[in-house]
ModelCIF file with pLDDT and N, C-alpha, C, O atoms, coordinates in Angstrom:
data_MODEL
#
_entry.id   MODEL 
#
_entity.id                         1 
_entity.type                       polymer 
_entity.pdbx_number_of_molecules   1 
#
_entity_poly.entity_id                      1 
_entity_poly.type                           'polypeptide(L)' 
_entity_poly.nstd_linkage                   no 
_entity_poly.nstd_monomer                   no 
_entity_poly.pdbx_seq_one_letter_code       SLREKYMFTKIENNPKKSLYLFGLILSLAFAPTFVVPALLSLGIL 
_entity_poly.pdbx_seq_one_letter_code_can   SLREKYMFTKIENNPKKSLYLFGLILSLAFAPTFVVPALLSLGIL 
_entity_poly.pdbx_strand_id                 A 
#
loop_
_entity_poly_seq.entity_id 
_entity_poly_seq.num 
_entity_poly_seq.mon_id 
_entity_poly_seq.hetero 
1 1  SER n 
1 2  LEU n 
1 3  ARG n 
1 4  GLU n 
1 5  LYS n 
1 6  TYR n 
1 7  MET n 
1 8  PHE n 
1 9  THR n 
1 10 LYS n 
1 11 ILE n 
1 12 GLU n 
1 13 ASN n 
1 14 ASN n 
1 15 PRO n 
1 16 LYS n 
1 17 LYS n 
1 18 SER n 
1 19 LEU n 
1 20 TYR n 
1 21 LEU n 
1 22 PHE n 
1 23 GLY n 
1 24 LEU n 
1 25 ILE n 
1 26 LEU n 
1 27 SER n 
1 28 LEU n 
1 29 ALA n 
1 30 PHE n 
1 31 ALA n 
1 32 PRO n 
1 33 THR n 
1 34 PHE n 
1 35 VAL n 
1 36 VAL n 
1 37 PRO n 
1 38 ALA n 
1 39 LEU n 
1 40 LEU n 
1 41 SER n 
1 42 LEU n 
1 43 GLY n 
1 44 ILE n 
1 45 LEU n 
#
_struct_asym.id          A 
_struct_asym.entity_id   1 
#
loop_
_ma_qa_metric.id 
_ma_qa_metric.mode 
_ma_qa_metric.name 
_ma_qa_metric.software_group_id 
_ma_qa_metric.type 
1 global pLDDT . pLDDT 
2 local  pLDDT . pLDDT 
#
_ma_qa_metric_global.metric_id      1 
_ma_qa_metric_global.metric_value   84.53 
_ma_qa_metric_global.model_id       1 
_ma_qa_metric_global.ordinal_id     1 
#
loop_
_ma_qa_metric_local.label_asym_id 
_ma_qa_metric_local.label_comp_id 
_ma_qa_metric_local.label_seq_id 
_ma_qa_metric_local.metric_id 
_ma_qa_metric_local.metric_value 
_ma_qa_metric_local.model_id 
_ma_qa_metric_local.ordinal_id 
A SER 1  2 61.00 1 1  
A LEU 2  2 58.00 1 2  
A ARG 3  2 59.00 1 3  
A GLU 4  2 56.00 1 4  
A LYS 5  2 55.00 1 5  
A TYR 6  2 57.00 1 6  
A MET 7  2 57.00 1 7  
A PHE 8  2 58.00 1 8  
A THR 9  2 62.00 1 9  
A LYS 10 2 68.00 1 10 
A ILE 11 2 72.00 1 11 
A GLU 12 2 74.00 1 12 
A ASN 13 2 75.00 1 13 
A ASN 14 2 83.00 1 14 
A PRO 15 2 87.00 1 15 
A LYS 16 2 90.00 1 16 
A LYS 17 2 90.00 1 17 
A SER 18 2 91.00 1 18 
A LEU 19 2 95.00 1 19 
A TYR 20 2 95.00 1 20 
A LEU 21 2 94.00 1 21 
A PHE 22 2 95.00 1 22 
A GLY 23 2 96.00 1 23 
A LEU 24 2 96.00 1 24 
A ILE 25 2 96.00 1 25 
A LEU 26 2 96.00 1 26 
A SER 27 2 95.00 1 27 
A LEU 28 2 96.00 1 28 
A ALA 29 2 96.00 1 29 
A PHE 30 2 95.00 1 30 
A ALA 31 2 93.00 1 31 
A PRO 32 2 92.00 1 32 
A THR 33 2 93.00 1 33 
A PHE 34 2 95.00 1 34 
A VAL 35 2 95.00 1 35 
A VAL 36 2 94.00 1 36 
A PRO 37 2 94.00 1 37 
A ALA 38 2 96.00 1 38 
A LEU 39 2 95.00 1 39 
A LEU 40 2 92.00 1 40 
A SER 41 2 94.00 1 41 
A LEU 42 2 95.00 1 42 
A GLY 43 2 92.00 1 43 
A ILE 44 2 91.00 1 44 
A LEU 45 2 95.00 1 45 
#
loop_
_atom_site.group_PDB 
_atom_site.id 
_atom_site.type_symbol 
_atom_site.label_atom_id 
_atom_site.label_alt_id 
_atom_site.label_comp_id 
_atom_site.label_asym_id 
_atom_site.label_entity_id 
_atom_site.label_seq_id 
_atom_site.pdbx_PDB_ins_code 
_atom_site.Cartn_x 
_atom_site.Cartn_y 
_atom_site.Cartn_z 
_atom_site.occupancy 
_atom_site.B_iso_or_equiv 
_atom_site.pdbx_formal_charge 
_atom_site.auth_seq_id 
_atom_site.auth_comp_id 
_atom_site.auth_asym_id 
_atom_site.auth_atom_id 
_atom_site.pdbx_PDB_model_num 
ATOM 1   N N  . SER A 1 1  ? 104.415 -27.522 8.083  1.00 61.00 ? 1  SER A N  1 
ATOM 2   C CA . SER A 1 1  ? 103.654 -27.436 9.327  1.00 61.00 ? 1  SER A CA 1 
ATOM 3   C C  . SER A 1 1  ? 102.164 -27.346 9.047  1.00 61.00 ? 1  SER A C  1 
ATOM 4   O O  . SER A 1 1  ? 101.360 -28.011 9.699  1.00 61.00 ? 1  SER A O  1 
ATOM 5   N N  . LEU A 1 2  ? 101.802 -26.524 8.077  1.00 58.00 ? 2  LEU A N  1 
ATOM 6   C CA . LEU A 1 2  ? 100.397 -26.389 7.704  1.00 58.00 ? 2  LEU A CA 1 
ATOM 7   C C  . LEU A 1 2  ? 99.848  -27.707 7.174  1.00 58.00 ? 2  LEU A C  1 
ATOM 8   O O  . LEU A 1 2  ? 98.724  -28.102 7.484  1.00 58.00 ? 2  LEU A O  1 
ATOM 9   N N  . ARG A 1 3  ? 100.662 -28.371 6.374  1.00 59.00 ? 3  ARG A N  1 
ATOM 10  C CA . ARG A 1 3  ? 100.246 -29.637 5.776  1.00 59.00 ? 3  ARG A CA 1 
ATOM 11  C C  . ARG A 1 3  ? 99.988  -30.681 6.855  1.00 59.00 ? 3  ARG A C  1 
ATOM 12  O O  . ARG A 1 3  ? 98.999  -31.413 6.808  1.00 59.00 ? 3  ARG A O  1 
ATOM 13  N N  . GLU A 1 4  ? 100.889 -30.736 7.822  1.00 56.00 ? 4  GLU A N  1 
ATOM 14  C CA . GLU A 1 4  ? 100.758 -31.732 8.880  1.00 56.00 ? 4  GLU A CA 1 
ATOM 15  C C  . GLU A 1 4  ? 99.591  -31.414 9.803  1.00 56.00 ? 4  GLU A C  1 
ATOM 16  O O  . GLU A 1 4  ? 98.868  -32.309 10.243 1.00 56.00 ? 4  GLU A O  1 
ATOM 17  N N  . LYS A 1 5  ? 99.417  -30.127 10.089 1.00 55.00 ? 5  LYS A N  1 
ATOM 18  C CA . LYS A 1 5  ? 98.417  -29.737 11.075 1.00 55.00 ? 5  LYS A CA 1 
ATOM 19  C C  . LYS A 1 5  ? 97.010  -29.762 10.509 1.00 55.00 ? 5  LYS A C  1 
ATOM 20  O O  . LYS A 1 5  ? 96.073  -30.216 11.165 1.00 55.00 ? 5  LYS A O  1 
ATOM 21  N N  . TYR A 1 6  ? 96.868  -29.266 9.276  1.00 57.00 ? 6  TYR A N  1 
ATOM 22  C CA . TYR A 1 6  ? 95.529  -29.109 8.725  1.00 57.00 ? 6  TYR A CA 1 
ATOM 23  C C  . TYR A 1 6  ? 95.186  -30.153 7.662  1.00 57.00 ? 6  TYR A C  1 
ATOM 24  O O  . TYR A 1 6  ? 94.121  -30.769 7.714  1.00 57.00 ? 6  TYR A O  1 
ATOM 25  N N  . MET A 1 7  ? 96.085  -30.351 6.704  1.00 57.00 ? 7  MET A N  1 
ATOM 26  C CA . MET A 1 7  ? 95.780  -31.248 5.601  1.00 57.00 ? 7  MET A CA 1 
ATOM 27  C C  . MET A 1 7  ? 95.509  -32.662 6.091  1.00 57.00 ? 7  MET A C  1 
ATOM 28  O O  . MET A 1 7  ? 94.543  -33.299 5.673  1.00 57.00 ? 7  MET A O  1 
ATOM 29  N N  . PHE A 1 8  ? 96.373  -33.149 6.984  1.00 58.00 ? 8  PHE A N  1 
ATOM 30  C CA . PHE A 1 8  ? 96.236  -34.530 7.441  1.00 58.00 ? 8  PHE A CA 1 
ATOM 31  C C  . PHE A 1 8  ? 95.207  -34.658 8.564  1.00 58.00 ? 8  PHE A C  1 
ATOM 32  O O  . PHE A 1 8  ? 94.246  -35.419 8.451  1.00 58.00 ? 8  PHE A O  1 
ATOM 33  N N  . THR A 1 9  ? 95.416  -33.911 9.640  1.00 62.00 ? 9  THR A N  1 
ATOM 34  C CA . THR A 1 9  ? 94.588  -34.124 10.818 1.00 62.00 ? 9  THR A CA 1 
ATOM 35  C C  . THR A 1 9  ? 93.162  -33.606 10.663 1.00 62.00 ? 9  THR A C  1 
ATOM 36  O O  . THR A 1 9  ? 92.223  -34.219 11.171 1.00 62.00 ? 9  THR A O  1 
ATOM 37  N N  . LYS A 1 10 ? 92.989  -32.476 9.961  1.00 68.00 ? 10 LYS A N  1 
ATOM 38  C CA . LYS A 1 10 ? 91.674  -31.855 9.867  1.00 68.00 ? 10 LYS A CA 1 
ATOM 39  C C  . LYS A 1 10 ? 90.878  -32.326 8.655  1.00 68.00 ? 10 LYS A C  1 
ATOM 40  O O  . LYS A 1 10 ? 89.659  -32.481 8.729  1.00 68.00 ? 10 LYS A O  1 
ATOM 41  N N  . ILE A 1 11 ? 91.550  -32.548 7.570  1.00 72.00 ? 11 ILE A N  1 
ATOM 42  C CA . ILE A 1 11 ? 90.852  -32.858 6.324  1.00 72.00 ? 11 ILE A CA 1 
ATOM 43  C C  . ILE A 1 11 ? 90.880  -34.343 6.000  1.00 72.00 ? 11 ILE A C  1 
ATOM 44  O O  . ILE A 1 11 ? 89.836  -34.949 5.755  1.00 72.00 ? 11 ILE A O  1 
ATOM 45  N N  . GLU A 1 12 ? 92.063  -34.927 5.999  1.00 74.00 ? 12 GLU A N  1 
ATOM 46  C CA . GLU A 1 12 ? 92.173  -36.320 5.583  1.00 74.00 ? 12 GLU A CA 1 
ATOM 47  C C  . GLU A 1 12 ? 91.452  -37.282 6.517  1.00 74.00 ? 12 GLU A C  1 
ATOM 48  O O  . GLU A 1 12 ? 90.985  -38.336 6.085  1.00 74.00 ? 12 GLU A O  1 
ATOM 49  N N  . ASN A 1 13 ? 91.360  -36.932 7.777  1.00 75.00 ? 13 ASN A N  1 
ATOM 50  C CA . ASN A 1 13 ? 90.693  -37.820 8.723  1.00 75.00 ? 13 ASN A CA 1 
ATOM 51  C C  . ASN A 1 13 ? 89.170  -37.790 8.589  1.00 75.00 ? 13 ASN A C  1 
ATOM 52  O O  . ASN A 1 13 ? 88.480  -38.653 9.131  1.00 75.00 ? 13 ASN A O  1 
ATOM 53  N N  . ASN A 1 14 ? 88.654  -36.806 7.876  1.00 83.00 ? 14 ASN A N  1 
ATOM 54  C CA . ASN A 1 14 ? 87.210  -36.693 7.650  1.00 83.00 ? 14 ASN A CA 1 
ATOM 55  C C  . ASN A 1 14 ? 86.952  -36.400 6.171  1.00 83.00 ? 14 ASN A C  1 
ATOM 56  O O  . ASN A 1 14 ? 86.456  -35.326 5.830  1.00 83.00 ? 14 ASN A O  1 
ATOM 57  N N  . PRO A 1 15 ? 87.282  -37.343 5.299  1.00 87.00 ? 15 PRO A N  1 
ATOM 58  C CA . PRO A 1 15 ? 87.231  -37.069 3.860  1.00 87.00 ? 15 PRO A CA 1 
ATOM 59  C C  . PRO A 1 15 ? 85.845  -36.696 3.328  1.00 87.00 ? 15 PRO A C  1 
ATOM 60  O O  . PRO A 1 15 ? 85.725  -35.762 2.536  1.00 87.00 ? 15 PRO A O  1 
ATOM 61  N N  . LYS A 1 16 ? 84.807  -37.404 3.746  1.00 90.00 ? 16 LYS A N  1 
ATOM 62  C CA . LYS A 1 16 ? 83.471  -37.140 3.220  1.00 90.00 ? 16 LYS A CA 1 
ATOM 63  C C  . LYS A 1 16 ? 82.972  -35.767 3.645  1.00 90.00 ? 16 LYS A C  1 
ATOM 64  O O  . LYS A 1 16 ? 82.483  -34.991 2.824  1.00 90.00 ? 16 LYS A O  1 
ATOM 65  N N  . LYS A 1 17 ? 83.100  -35.472 4.939  1.00 90.00 ? 17 LYS A N  1 
ATOM 66  C CA . LYS A 1 17 ? 82.661  -34.174 5.442  1.00 90.00 ? 17 LYS A CA 1 
ATOM 67  C C  . LYS A 1 17 ? 83.486  -33.049 4.815  1.00 90.00 ? 17 LYS A C  1 
ATOM 68  O O  . LYS A 1 17 ? 82.954  -32.004 4.438  1.00 90.00 ? 17 LYS A O  1 
ATOM 69  N N  . SER A 1 18 ? 84.793  -33.286 4.712  1.00 91.00 ? 18 SER A N  1 
ATOM 70  C CA . SER A 1 18 ? 85.678  -32.255 4.166  1.00 91.00 ? 18 SER A CA 1 
ATOM 71  C C  . SER A 1 18 ? 85.342  -31.961 2.706  1.00 91.00 ? 18 SER A C  1 
ATOM 72  O O  . SER A 1 18 ? 85.252  -30.800 2.304  1.00 91.00 ? 18 SER A O  1 
ATOM 73  N N  . LEU A 1 19 ? 85.157  -33.017 1.917  1.00 95.00 ? 19 LEU A N  1 
ATOM 74  C CA . LEU A 1 19 ? 84.871  -32.824 0.500  1.00 95.00 ? 19 LEU A CA 1 
ATOM 75  C C  . LEU A 1 19 ? 83.495  -32.210 0.293  1.00 95.00 ? 19 LEU A C  1 
ATOM 76  O O  . LEU A 1 19 ? 83.310  -31.389 -0.605 1.00 95.00 ? 19 LEU A O  1 
ATOM 77  N N  . TYR A 1 20 ? 82.535  -32.600 1.113  1.00 95.00 ? 20 TYR A N  1 
ATOM 78  C CA . TYR A 1 20 ? 81.209  -31.965 1.032  1.00 95.00 ? 20 TYR A CA 1 
ATOM 79  C C  . TYR A 1 20 ? 81.332  -30.470 1.302  1.00 95.00 ? 20 TYR A C  1 
ATOM 80  O O  . TYR A 1 20 ? 80.714  -29.659 0.613  1.00 95.00 ? 20 TYR A O  1 
ATOM 81  N N  . LEU A 1 21 ? 82.130  -30.106 2.304  1.00 94.00 ? 21 LEU A N  1 
ATOM 82  C CA . LEU A 1 21 ? 82.333  -28.700 2.653  1.00 94.00 ? 21 LEU A CA 1 
ATOM 83  C C  . LEU A 1 21 ? 83.028  -27.951 1.522  1.00 94.00 ? 21 LEU A C  1 
ATOM 84  O O  . LEU A 1 21 ? 82.628  -26.838 1.180  1.00 94.00 ? 21 LEU A O  1 
ATOM 85  N N  . PHE A 1 22 ? 84.071  -28.552 0.936  1.00 95.00 ? 22 PHE A N  1 
ATOM 86  C CA . PHE A 1 22 ? 84.777  -27.874 -0.156 1.00 95.00 ? 22 PHE A CA 1 
ATOM 87  C C  . PHE A 1 22 ? 83.909  -27.781 -1.404 1.00 95.00 ? 22 PHE A C  1 
ATOM 88  O O  . PHE A 1 22 ? 84.061  -26.855 -2.200 1.00 95.00 ? 22 PHE A O  1 
ATOM 89  N N  . GLY A 1 23 ? 83.004  -28.733 -1.577 1.00 96.00 ? 23 GLY A N  1 
ATOM 90  C CA . GLY A 1 23 ? 82.038  -28.626 -2.672 1.00 96.00 ? 23 GLY A CA 1 
ATOM 91  C C  . GLY A 1 23 ? 81.111  -27.440 -2.462 1.00 96.00 ? 23 GLY A C  1 
ATOM 92  O O  . GLY A 1 23 ? 80.800  -26.708 -3.401 1.00 96.00 ? 23 GLY A O  1 
ATOM 93  N N  . LEU A 1 24 ? 80.669  -27.255 -1.214 1.00 96.00 ? 24 LEU A N  1 
ATOM 94  C CA . LEU A 1 24 ? 79.849  -26.084 -0.886 1.00 96.00 ? 24 LEU A CA 1 
ATOM 95  C C  . LEU A 1 24 ? 80.603  -24.797 -1.188 1.00 96.00 ? 24 LEU A C  1 
ATOM 96  O O  . LEU A 1 24 ? 80.044  -23.849 -1.740 1.00 96.00 ? 24 LEU A O  1 
ATOM 97  N N  . ILE A 1 25 ? 81.881  -24.778 -0.820 1.00 96.00 ? 25 ILE A N  1 
ATOM 98  C CA . ILE A 1 25 ? 82.700  -23.581 -0.998 1.00 96.00 ? 25 ILE A CA 1 
ATOM 99  C C  . ILE A 1 25 ? 82.877  -23.247 -2.479 1.00 96.00 ? 25 ILE A C  1 
ATOM 100 O O  . ILE A 1 25 ? 82.905  -22.072 -2.847 1.00 96.00 ? 25 ILE A O  1 
ATOM 101 N N  . LEU A 1 26 ? 82.996  -24.273 -3.335 1.00 96.00 ? 26 LEU A N  1 
ATOM 102 C CA . LEU A 1 26 ? 83.229  -24.028 -4.760 1.00 96.00 ? 26 LEU A CA 1 
ATOM 103 C C  . LEU A 1 26 ? 82.143  -23.160 -5.377 1.00 96.00 ? 26 LEU A C  1 
ATOM 104 O O  . LEU A 1 26 ? 82.431  -22.354 -6.261 1.00 96.00 ? 26 LEU A O  1 
ATOM 105 N N  . SER A 1 27 ? 80.908  -23.307 -4.931 1.00 95.00 ? 27 SER A N  1 
ATOM 106 C CA . SER A 1 27 ? 79.814  -22.536 -5.517 1.00 95.00 ? 27 SER A CA 1 
ATOM 107 C C  . SER A 1 27 ? 79.977  -21.039 -5.301 1.00 95.00 ? 27 SER A C  1 
ATOM 108 O O  . SER A 1 27 ? 79.374  -20.243 -6.020 1.00 95.00 ? 27 SER A O  1 
ATOM 109 N N  . LEU A 1 28 ? 80.786  -20.643 -4.317 1.00 96.00 ? 28 LEU A N  1 
ATOM 110 C CA . LEU A 1 28 ? 81.012  -19.220 -4.062 1.00 96.00 ? 28 LEU A CA 1 
ATOM 111 C C  . LEU A 1 28 ? 81.781  -18.554 -5.196 1.00 96.00 ? 28 LEU A C  1 
ATOM 112 O O  . LEU A 1 28 ? 81.811  -17.327 -5.285 1.00 96.00 ? 28 LEU A O  1 
ATOM 113 N N  . ALA A 1 29 ? 82.405  -19.355 -6.068 1.00 96.00 ? 29 ALA A N  1 
ATOM 114 C CA . ALA A 1 29 ? 83.175  -18.796 -7.181 1.00 96.00 ? 29 ALA A CA 1 
ATOM 115 C C  . ALA A 1 29 ? 82.255  -18.290 -8.297 1.00 96.00 ? 29 ALA A C  1 
ATOM 116 O O  . ALA A 1 29 ? 82.716  -17.640 -9.235 1.00 96.00 ? 29 ALA A O  1 
ATOM 117 N N  . PHE A 1 30 ? 80.967  -18.586 -8.197 1.00 95.00 ? 30 PHE A N  1 
ATOM 118 C CA . PHE A 1 30 ? 80.019  -18.184 -9.230 1.00 95.00 ? 30 PHE A CA 1 
ATOM 119 C C  . PHE A 1 30 ? 79.253  -16.942 -8.798 1.00 95.00 ? 30 PHE A C  1 
ATOM 120 O O  . PHE A 1 30 ? 79.377  -16.480 -7.664 1.00 95.00 ? 30 PHE A O  1 
ATOM 121 N N  . ALA A 1 31 ? 78.456  -16.408 -9.726 1.00 93.00 ? 31 ALA A N  1 
ATOM 122 C CA . ALA A 1 31 ? 77.631  -15.240 -9.403 1.00 93.00 ? 31 ALA A CA 1 
ATOM 123 C C  . ALA A 1 31 ? 76.672  -15.586 -8.273 1.00 93.00 ? 31 ALA A C  1 
ATOM 124 O O  . ALA A 1 31 ? 76.232  -16.732 -8.178 1.00 93.00 ? 31 ALA A O  1 
ATOM 125 N N  . PRO A 1 32 ? 76.337  -14.632 -7.417 1.00 92.00 ? 32 PRO A N  1 
ATOM 126 C CA . PRO A 1 32 ? 76.759  -13.228 -7.487 1.00 92.00 ? 32 PRO A CA 1 
ATOM 127 C C  . PRO A 1 32 ? 78.005  -12.911 -6.658 1.00 92.00 ? 32 PRO A C  1 
ATOM 128 O O  . PRO A 1 32 ? 78.449  -11.764 -6.640 1.00 92.00 ? 32 PRO A O  1 
ATOM 129 N N  . THR A 1 33 ? 78.580  -13.911 -5.968 1.00 93.00 ? 33 THR A N  1 
ATOM 130 C CA . THR A 1 33 ? 79.685  -13.618 -5.054 1.00 93.00 ? 33 THR A CA 1 
ATOM 131 C C  . THR A 1 33 ? 81.035  -13.531 -5.751 1.00 93.00 ? 33 THR A C  1 
ATOM 132 O O  . THR A 1 33 ? 81.837  -12.651 -5.441 1.00 93.00 ? 33 THR A O  1 
ATOM 133 N N  . PHE A 1 34 ? 81.296  -14.448 -6.702 1.00 95.00 ? 34 PHE A N  1 
ATOM 134 C CA . PHE A 1 34 ? 82.562  -14.475 -7.443 1.00 95.00 ? 34 PHE A CA 1 
ATOM 135 C C  . PHE A 1 34 ? 83.780  -14.454 -6.514 1.00 95.00 ? 34 PHE A C  1 
ATOM 136 O O  . PHE A 1 34 ? 84.693  -13.648 -6.695 1.00 95.00 ? 34 PHE A O  1 
ATOM 137 N N  . VAL A 1 35 ? 83.784  -15.344 -5.523 1.00 95.00 ? 35 VAL A N  1 
ATOM 138 C CA . VAL A 1 35 ? 84.938  -15.487 -4.640 1.00 95.00 ? 35 VAL A CA 1 
ATOM 139 C C  . VAL A 1 35 ? 85.946  -16.389 -5.349 1.00 95.00 ? 35 VAL A C  1 
ATOM 140 O O  . VAL A 1 35 ? 85.866  -17.613 -5.244 1.00 95.00 ? 35 VAL A O  1 
ATOM 141 N N  . VAL A 1 36 ? 86.879  -15.798 -6.059 1.00 94.00 ? 36 VAL A N  1 
ATOM 142 C CA . VAL A 1 36 ? 87.802  -16.538 -6.924 1.00 94.00 ? 36 VAL A CA 1 
ATOM 143 C C  . VAL A 1 36 ? 88.607  -17.603 -6.170 1.00 94.00 ? 36 VAL A C  1 
ATOM 144 O O  . VAL A 1 36 ? 88.765  -18.707 -6.691 1.00 94.00 ? 36 VAL A O  1 
ATOM 145 N N  . PRO A 1 37 ? 89.125  -17.320 -4.960 1.00 94.00 ? 37 PRO A N  1 
ATOM 146 C CA . PRO A 1 37 ? 89.891  -18.365 -4.246 1.00 94.00 ? 37 PRO A CA 1 
ATOM 147 C C  . PRO A 1 37 ? 89.099  -19.641 -3.986 1.00 94.00 ? 37 PRO A C  1 
ATOM 148 O O  . PRO A 1 37 ? 89.689  -20.690 -3.726 1.00 94.00 ? 37 PRO A O  1 
ATOM 149 N N  . ALA A 1 38 ? 87.770  -19.567 -4.052 1.00 96.00 ? 38 ALA A N  1 
ATOM 150 C CA . ALA A 1 38 ? 86.954  -20.760 -3.828 1.00 96.00 ? 38 ALA A CA 1 
ATOM 151 C C  . ALA A 1 38 ? 87.226  -21.831 -4.882 1.00 96.00 ? 38 ALA A C  1 
ATOM 152 O O  . ALA A 1 38 ? 86.962  -23.010 -4.649 1.00 96.00 ? 38 ALA A O  1 
ATOM 153 N N  . LEU A 1 39 ? 87.752  -21.428 -6.039 1.00 95.00 ? 39 LEU A N  1 
ATOM 154 C CA . LEU A 1 39 ? 88.070  -22.388 -7.101 1.00 95.00 ? 39 LEU A CA 1 
ATOM 155 C C  . LEU A 1 39 ? 89.168  -23.357 -6.670 1.00 95.00 ? 39 LEU A C  1 
ATOM 156 O O  . LEU A 1 39 ? 89.285  -24.456 -7.210 1.00 95.00 ? 39 LEU A O  1 
ATOM 157 N N  . LEU A 1 40 ? 89.965  -22.942 -5.699 1.00 92.00 ? 40 LEU A N  1 
ATOM 158 C CA . LEU A 1 40 ? 91.047  -23.806 -5.228 1.00 92.00 ? 40 LEU A CA 1 
ATOM 159 C C  . LEU A 1 40 ? 90.514  -25.052 -4.518 1.00 92.00 ? 40 LEU A C  1 
ATOM 160 O O  . LEU A 1 40 ? 91.272  -25.976 -4.224 1.00 92.00 ? 40 LEU A O  1 
ATOM 161 N N  . SER A 1 41 ? 89.216  -25.071 -4.247 1.00 94.00 ? 41 SER A N  1 
ATOM 162 C CA . SER A 1 41 ? 88.595  -26.274 -3.680 1.00 94.00 ? 41 SER A CA 1 
ATOM 163 C C  . SER A 1 41 ? 88.794  -27.464 -4.602 1.00 94.00 ? 41 SER A C  1 
ATOM 164 O O  . SER A 1 41 ? 88.854  -28.607 -4.149 1.00 94.00 ? 41 SER A O  1 
ATOM 165 N N  . LEU A 1 42 ? 88.895  -27.191 -5.894 1.00 95.00 ? 42 LEU A N  1 
ATOM 166 C CA . LEU A 1 42 ? 89.128  -28.275 -6.853 1.00 95.00 ? 42 LEU A CA 1 
ATOM 167 C C  . LEU A 1 42 ? 90.473  -28.944 -6.594 1.00 95.00 ? 42 LEU A C  1 
ATOM 168 O O  . LEU A 1 42 ? 90.629  -30.141 -6.835 1.00 95.00 ? 42 LEU A O  1 
ATOM 169 N N  . GLY A 1 43 ? 91.439  -28.179 -6.106 1.00 92.00 ? 43 GLY A N  1 
ATOM 170 C CA . GLY A 1 43 ? 92.739  -28.755 -5.786 1.00 92.00 ? 43 GLY A CA 1 
ATOM 171 C C  . GLY A 1 43 ? 92.629  -29.790 -4.669 1.00 92.00 ? 43 GLY A C  1 
ATOM 172 O O  . GLY A 1 43 ? 93.338  -30.797 -4.673 1.00 92.00 ? 43 GLY A O  1 
ATOM 173 N N  . ILE A 1 44 ? 91.736  -29.536 -3.714 1.00 91.00 ? 44 ILE A N  1 
ATOM 174 C CA . ILE A 1 44 ? 91.505  -30.495 -2.628 1.00 91.00 ? 44 ILE A CA 1 
ATOM 175 C C  . ILE A 1 44 ? 90.909  -31.781 -3.188 1.00 91.00 ? 44 ILE A C  1 
ATOM 176 O O  . ILE A 1 44 ? 91.319  -32.881 -2.818 1.00 91.00 ? 44 ILE A O  1 
ATOM 177 N N  . LEU A 1 45 ? 89.935  -31.628 -4.084 1.00 95.00 ? 45 LEU A N  1 
ATOM 178 C CA . LEU A 1 45 ? 89.344  -32.817 -4.714 1.00 95.00 ? 45 LEU A CA 1 
ATOM 179 C C  . LEU A 1 45 ? 90.400  -33.600 -5.479 1.00 95.00 ? 45 LEU A C  1 
ATOM 180 O O  . LEU A 1 45 ? 90.092  -34.632 -6.075 1.00 95.00 ? 45 LEU A O  1 
#
């Protein structure tokens, strides 16, 4: 359900915007925030 609702309709339909956003999110994994789940953005890429 999550895959159908979010992965396809929200992300796949807007690949450039989505990937730009996940690229922004990845930087949160570094100092000083160290938001570890942000690394999962690489999985989207």
